[in-house]
Every structure is written in C-alpha cells, then in structure tokens.
Amino acid sequence: MNTLFKSISSMVAVTVVASALLPSGGANAQPGPPAHVPIVSAASLVPEPFQFGTSSTGFSGTGTEINIVTVPAGKLLVVEYASVTIHGIGSGGLSSVTLQTGAVSGSAVYNQLACNQIGSGSYACAGPTKQYVLAGERLTFSFATSADIGGSFRFFVSGYYAHSP
C-alpha cells in the first residue's frame, strides 16, 4: 500500500510540474522559450565596423574640434584606435589631443592620446583606446596648441558598433 501511494504521488507531482512549465499547461503546447526570455536575431549581435578619417590643409588659431558622430539609437560605439598627425604648430608646442565621449549636453569622458614630436612643429599621436559611446551621445576629437599660428592635421579613428538593447 505504501509503495502504491508513493507511485501515485510521484505521477501527480510530475504532471503538476510539467503543466506549470508548458505555456498552455498541457500536452498540446507549442514548443518555445518562456515568455521572459528575449529572442534576439544572431545577425544583430555581429559588430558593425566603424571608421572615420579627415584631414585639413589648414586650421587657424590654437586648435580645432571636430564632431565625429552621434551614435544612433539601438547602438553602442566601441572606439578601439585613434591617430592624428599635426603639422605647423610652431615653437609653442602641442597642449593636448583629446577624444571626448559623452552627452551632447552634460557629462563627458576625455581620453588624452599619447604624442611624440616628429619634427619642428610636427607631432604624431596614436594608440589603442577603449571608449564606449552610448546611443544619443557624441564622439568628438580636439586638439589645442600653445601658439596661435595654425597648421594642418590628419585624423583617423576606428572601432565598431555593437547592438545595444
């Protein structure tokens, strides 16, 4: 009698658990993930390459600032590398070379690029970086010099867009 009771109670427990796990609660339920598991296309998980380059045959004053991109909705921009060469700065030198990420208005994150002087008034700045720019935020490049004489530059940045929920 005791063995029969254990068998019947086990069958009832398995039926109750199976009914709770199936969406319609029965044997005719369609297979699929539970409602709380998001379904994402594998194609949306593949990184989308990003690169931007620009040059100027002349800037005036003590530097320049370039708005590179505002990240579109549903994306995250991961910046991996940046480089710039700047010529004609003069004896005053280079004050800073910056990649700025952040809100169009509000807080921002600054990343200084390492620079080497490669000639009289010329600098090469480059390096790997890991900067994350959220949807709606802007990536900006800027540099400043100590002398107000102007010059020319070439700038390049690369990375990738990732899917952002």
Foldseek 3Di string as FASTA:
>chain_A
DVVVVVVVVVVVVVLVVCLVPAPNSDPPGDDDDPPVDDDDDPVQQDWAKDKDKDKDQKDFFFKDKDWTDAAAPQKKWWWWKKKKKWADLAPQFWDWKWKWKDAPDDDIDIDTFDWDAPDGRMIITMDTDTDIHHHRMIIMIMTGTRDGGMTMMMMMIITTMGGDD
